[in-house]
Structure formats: structure tokens, C-alpha cells
């Protein structure tokens, strides 16, 4: 299987697993994703994909990794961000 296909299937797996029940009731720790000048209502209005991107970047930032993810295609193609996330 090519790395592009593997990446595609991993992204689909992440989206199914992580997007199914994303909300503050099921995952209260998501409040950490609220930006400094953002209201809680604004955080609650974000799409599930946007929350997942924010969650991914939250962990990259806490690992002092310089890169950020803006999409689930090219930004994850080389696998580096996955490695940082999984460590």
C-alpha cells in the first residue's frame, strides 16, 4: 500500500474515531482548546473537523514542535506530525 493510501485511511480512521462524539459534555478537557480572546460559545460553534485540527495543533505546540497542521492531507503526508502526536 502506498504511503498516500495509508495516510488517507489513517485520516479516515481518525475522523471516525475522534469526530463521532466530540463535544464538551463527552470530553470536558476540550476547553483547553479555547483561544485566549475566544468566548466559550465560539468554541462550541466550531465544526468537529476544526476542533480536531485545533486539538492536533495543541499537542504539537505542547511538544515544542515548530510545525502546525492546517489540513489533513498535505500537512500529514510525511508522517512527521503523526510521530510527534503519538509520542
N, C-alpha and C. Protein backbone atom coordinates (compact mmCIF):
# COMPACT_ATOMS: atom_id res chain seq x y z
N UNK A 1 0.85 -1.18 0.00
CA UNK A 1 0.00 0.00 0.00
C UNK A 1 0.89 1.23 0.00
N UNK A 2 0.57 2.18 -0.87
CA UNK A 2 1.38 3.39 -0.93
C UNK A 2 1.17 4.24 0.32
N UNK A 3 2.13 5.13 0.57
CA UNK A 3 2.03 5.97 1.76
C UNK A 3 0.84 6.92 1.67
N UNK A 4 0.47 7.35 0.45
CA UNK A 4 -0.69 8.22 0.29
C UNK A 4 -1.97 7.50 0.67
N UNK A 5 -2.10 6.24 0.29
CA UNK A 5 -3.28 5.47 0.65
C UNK A 5 -3.31 5.20 2.15
N UNK A 6 -2.17 4.88 2.71
CA UNK A 6 -2.10 4.63 4.15
C UNK A 6 -2.47 5.90 4.91
N UNK A 7 -1.96 7.04 4.46
CA UNK A 7 -2.29 8.31 5.09
C UNK A 7 -3.79 8.58 5.00
N UNK A 8 -4.37 8.34 3.83
CA UNK A 8 -5.80 8.55 3.63
C UNK A 8 -6.61 7.70 4.61
N UNK A 9 -6.27 6.42 4.73
CA UNK A 9 -7.01 5.54 5.63
C UNK A 9 -6.82 5.92 7.09
N UNK A 10 -5.63 6.38 7.45
CA UNK A 10 -5.40 6.81 8.83
C UNK A 10 -6.23 8.05 9.15
N UNK A 11 -6.31 8.99 8.21
CA UNK A 11 -7.12 10.19 8.41
C UNK A 11 -8.59 9.83 8.55
N UNK A 12 -9.07 8.92 7.72
CA UNK A 12 -10.47 8.48 7.82
C UNK A 12 -10.70 7.83 9.18
N UNK A 13 -9.78 6.99 9.63
CA UNK A 13 -9.89 6.35 10.94
C UNK A 13 -9.95 7.40 12.04
N UNK A 14 -9.04 8.39 11.99
CA UNK A 14 -9.04 9.46 12.99
C UNK A 14 -10.37 10.20 12.99
N UNK A 15 -10.85 10.53 11.82
CA UNK A 15 -12.09 11.28 11.75
C UNK A 15 -13.26 10.48 12.31
N UNK A 16 -13.33 9.21 12.00
CA UNK A 16 -14.42 8.38 12.53
C UNK A 16 -14.31 8.26 14.04
N UNK A 17 -13.13 7.95 14.53
CA UNK A 17 -12.93 7.76 15.96
C UNK A 17 -13.06 9.04 16.76
N UNK A 18 -12.51 10.11 16.26
CA UNK A 18 -12.43 11.33 17.04
C UNK A 18 -13.59 12.29 16.81
N UNK A 19 -14.23 12.22 15.67
CA UNK A 19 -15.29 13.17 15.38
C UNK A 19 -16.66 12.67 15.80
N UNK A 20 -16.79 11.41 16.07
CA UNK A 20 -18.10 10.85 16.38
C UNK A 20 -18.77 11.53 17.56
N UNK A 21 -18.09 11.64 18.67
CA UNK A 21 -18.70 12.20 19.88
C UNK A 21 -17.93 13.39 20.43
N UNK A 22 -17.41 14.23 19.57
CA UNK A 22 -16.67 15.39 20.06
C UNK A 22 -17.65 16.44 20.54
N UNK A 23 -17.62 16.69 21.81
CA UNK A 23 -18.33 17.80 22.42
C UNK A 23 -17.80 17.95 23.85
N UNK A 24 -18.09 19.07 24.46
CA UNK A 24 -17.57 19.33 25.80
C UNK A 24 -18.20 18.44 26.86
N UNK A 25 -19.39 17.97 26.62
CA UNK A 25 -20.04 17.07 27.58
C UNK A 25 -19.28 15.74 27.66
N UNK A 26 -18.93 15.18 26.51
CA UNK A 26 -18.21 13.91 26.48
C UNK A 26 -16.71 14.07 26.72
N UNK A 27 -16.17 15.24 26.41
CA UNK A 27 -14.73 15.48 26.51
C UNK A 27 -14.48 16.87 27.10
N UNK A 28 -14.69 17.04 28.40
CA UNK A 28 -14.56 18.37 29.01
C UNK A 28 -13.17 18.98 28.89
N UNK A 29 -12.15 18.16 28.69
CA UNK A 29 -10.79 18.69 28.54
C UNK A 29 -10.63 19.52 27.27
N UNK A 30 -11.59 19.44 26.36
CA UNK A 30 -11.51 20.23 25.13
C UNK A 30 -11.57 21.73 25.41
N UNK A 31 -11.95 22.09 26.61
CA UNK A 31 -11.97 23.51 26.98
C UNK A 31 -10.56 24.11 26.85
N UNK A 32 -9.55 23.27 26.94
CA UNK A 32 -8.16 23.74 26.78
C UNK A 32 -7.91 24.30 25.38
N UNK A 33 -8.75 23.95 24.43
CA UNK A 33 -8.57 24.39 23.05
C UNK A 33 -9.09 25.80 22.82
N UNK A 34 -9.77 26.35 23.80
CA UNK A 34 -10.30 27.71 23.67
C UNK A 34 -9.14 28.70 23.60
N UNK A 35 -9.18 29.54 22.60
CA UNK A 35 -8.13 30.54 22.46
C UNK A 35 -8.37 31.68 23.45
N UNK A 36 -7.33 32.42 23.74
CA UNK A 36 -7.35 33.41 24.81
C UNK A 36 -8.49 34.42 24.69
N UNK A 37 -8.70 34.97 23.53
CA UNK A 37 -9.73 36.00 23.36
C UNK A 37 -11.04 35.43 22.84
N UNK A 38 -11.18 34.15 22.86
CA UNK A 38 -12.36 33.49 22.32
C UNK A 38 -13.38 33.23 23.44
N UNK A 39 -14.63 33.41 23.12
CA UNK A 39 -15.70 33.09 24.07
C UNK A 39 -16.01 31.60 23.99
N UNK A 40 -16.49 31.04 25.08
CA UNK A 40 -16.85 29.63 25.10
C UNK A 40 -17.87 29.30 24.02
N UNK A 41 -18.81 30.18 23.80
CA UNK A 41 -19.83 29.95 22.76
C UNK A 41 -19.20 29.80 21.39
N UNK A 42 -18.13 30.55 21.14
CA UNK A 42 -17.44 30.46 19.86
C UNK A 42 -16.77 29.09 19.70
N UNK A 43 -16.18 28.61 20.77
CA UNK A 43 -15.56 27.29 20.74
C UNK A 43 -16.61 26.22 20.45
N UNK A 44 -17.76 26.34 21.06
CA UNK A 44 -18.82 25.36 20.88
C UNK A 44 -19.40 25.36 19.47
N UNK A 45 -19.24 26.46 18.75
CA UNK A 45 -19.77 26.58 17.39
C UNK A 45 -18.83 26.02 16.33
N UNK A 46 -17.59 25.72 16.71
CA UNK A 46 -16.62 25.22 15.73
C UNK A 46 -17.03 23.86 15.19
N UNK A 47 -16.72 23.62 13.94
CA UNK A 47 -17.01 22.30 13.36
C UNK A 47 -16.13 21.25 14.04
N UNK A 48 -16.55 20.02 13.94
CA UNK A 48 -15.78 18.94 14.56
C UNK A 48 -14.40 18.80 13.91
N UNK A 49 -14.32 19.02 12.61
CA UNK A 49 -13.02 18.96 11.94
C UNK A 49 -12.10 20.08 12.42
N UNK A 50 -12.65 21.27 12.63
CA UNK A 50 -11.85 22.38 13.14
C UNK A 50 -11.37 22.09 14.55
N UNK A 51 -12.23 21.49 15.37
CA UNK A 51 -11.82 21.11 16.72
C UNK A 51 -10.69 20.07 16.67
N UNK A 52 -10.80 19.12 15.75
CA UNK A 52 -9.76 18.10 15.63
C UNK A 52 -8.43 18.74 15.20
N UNK A 53 -8.48 19.66 14.25
CA UNK A 53 -7.26 20.37 13.85
C UNK A 53 -6.67 21.15 15.02
N UNK A 54 -7.54 21.81 15.77
CA UNK A 54 -7.07 22.57 16.92
C UNK A 54 -6.45 21.65 17.97
N UNK A 55 -7.07 20.50 18.20
CA UNK A 55 -6.57 19.52 19.16
C UNK A 55 -5.19 19.02 18.72
N UNK A 56 -5.06 18.69 17.43
CA UNK A 56 -3.78 18.22 16.88
C UNK A 56 -2.71 19.28 17.11
N UNK A 57 -3.01 20.52 16.77
CA UNK A 57 -2.03 21.61 16.91
C UNK A 57 -1.72 21.92 18.37
N UNK A 58 -2.69 21.76 19.24
CA UNK A 58 -2.47 21.93 20.68
C UNK A 58 -1.36 20.99 21.15
N UNK A 59 -1.43 19.74 20.70
CA UNK A 59 -0.43 18.77 21.11
C UNK A 59 0.92 19.00 20.44
N UNK A 60 0.92 19.45 19.19
CA UNK A 60 2.18 19.79 18.54
C UNK A 60 2.86 20.95 19.26
N UNK A 61 2.08 21.96 19.64
CA UNK A 61 2.62 23.12 20.35
C UNK A 61 3.19 22.70 21.70
N UNK A 62 2.46 21.87 22.44
CA UNK A 62 2.94 21.42 23.76
C UNK A 62 4.18 20.56 23.67
N UNK A 63 4.41 19.96 22.51
CA UNK A 63 5.62 19.17 22.29
C UNK A 63 6.76 20.05 21.77
N UNK A 64 6.53 21.36 21.70
CA UNK A 64 7.51 22.31 21.16
C UNK A 64 7.90 21.99 19.73
N UNK A 65 6.97 21.46 18.98
CA UNK A 65 7.21 21.15 17.57
C UNK A 65 6.89 22.39 16.74
N UNK A 66 7.73 22.78 15.81
CA UNK A 66 7.52 24.04 15.08
C UNK A 66 6.40 23.99 14.05
N UNK A 67 6.04 22.83 13.58
CA UNK A 67 5.03 22.73 12.53
C UNK A 67 3.62 22.74 13.09
N UNK A 68 2.66 23.13 12.23
CA UNK A 68 1.24 23.10 12.57
C UNK A 68 0.49 22.45 11.41
N UNK A 69 -0.67 21.92 11.71
CA UNK A 69 -1.50 21.24 10.72
C UNK A 69 -2.65 22.16 10.36
N UNK A 70 -2.82 22.43 9.06
CA UNK A 70 -3.94 23.24 8.61
C UNK A 70 -4.95 22.41 7.83
N UNK A 71 -4.54 21.20 7.43
CA UNK A 71 -5.44 20.29 6.75
C UNK A 71 -4.97 18.86 6.99
N UNK A 72 -5.81 17.92 6.67
CA UNK A 72 -5.48 16.52 6.93
C UNK A 72 -4.92 15.82 5.71
N UNK A 73 -4.42 16.58 4.76
CA UNK A 73 -3.87 15.98 3.55
C UNK A 73 -2.37 16.21 3.48
N UNK A 74 -1.96 17.33 2.94
CA UNK A 74 -0.53 17.57 2.72
C UNK A 74 0.26 17.76 4.01
N UNK A 75 -0.37 18.31 5.05
CA UNK A 75 0.35 18.55 6.30
C UNK A 75 0.68 17.27 7.05
N UNK A 76 0.04 16.17 6.67
CA UNK A 76 0.30 14.90 7.34
C UNK A 76 0.98 13.89 6.43
N UNK A 77 1.25 14.29 5.20
CA UNK A 77 1.76 13.36 4.19
C UNK A 77 3.09 12.71 4.57
N UNK A 78 3.99 13.44 5.21
CA UNK A 78 5.30 12.87 5.51
C UNK A 78 5.34 12.09 6.83
N UNK A 79 4.26 12.15 7.60
CA UNK A 79 4.18 11.37 8.84
C UNK A 79 4.84 12.01 10.05
N UNK A 80 5.59 13.09 9.86
CA UNK A 80 6.31 13.70 10.98
C UNK A 80 5.36 14.17 12.09
N UNK A 81 4.28 14.82 11.70
CA UNK A 81 3.33 15.32 12.69
C UNK A 81 2.65 14.18 13.46
N UNK A 82 2.40 13.06 12.77
CA UNK A 82 1.85 11.88 13.44
C UNK A 82 2.80 11.39 14.53
N UNK A 83 4.07 11.33 14.20
CA UNK A 83 5.07 10.84 15.15
C UNK A 83 5.08 11.72 16.41
N UNK A 84 5.07 13.02 16.21
CA UNK A 84 5.05 13.94 17.36
C UNK A 84 3.78 13.75 18.16
N UNK A 85 2.64 13.64 17.50
CA UNK A 85 1.36 13.46 18.19
C UNK A 85 1.34 12.17 19.00
N UNK A 86 1.88 11.12 18.48
CA UNK A 86 1.82 9.81 19.14
C UNK A 86 2.86 9.62 20.22
N UNK A 87 3.82 10.53 20.34
CA UNK A 87 4.84 10.41 21.40
C UNK A 87 4.40 10.97 22.68
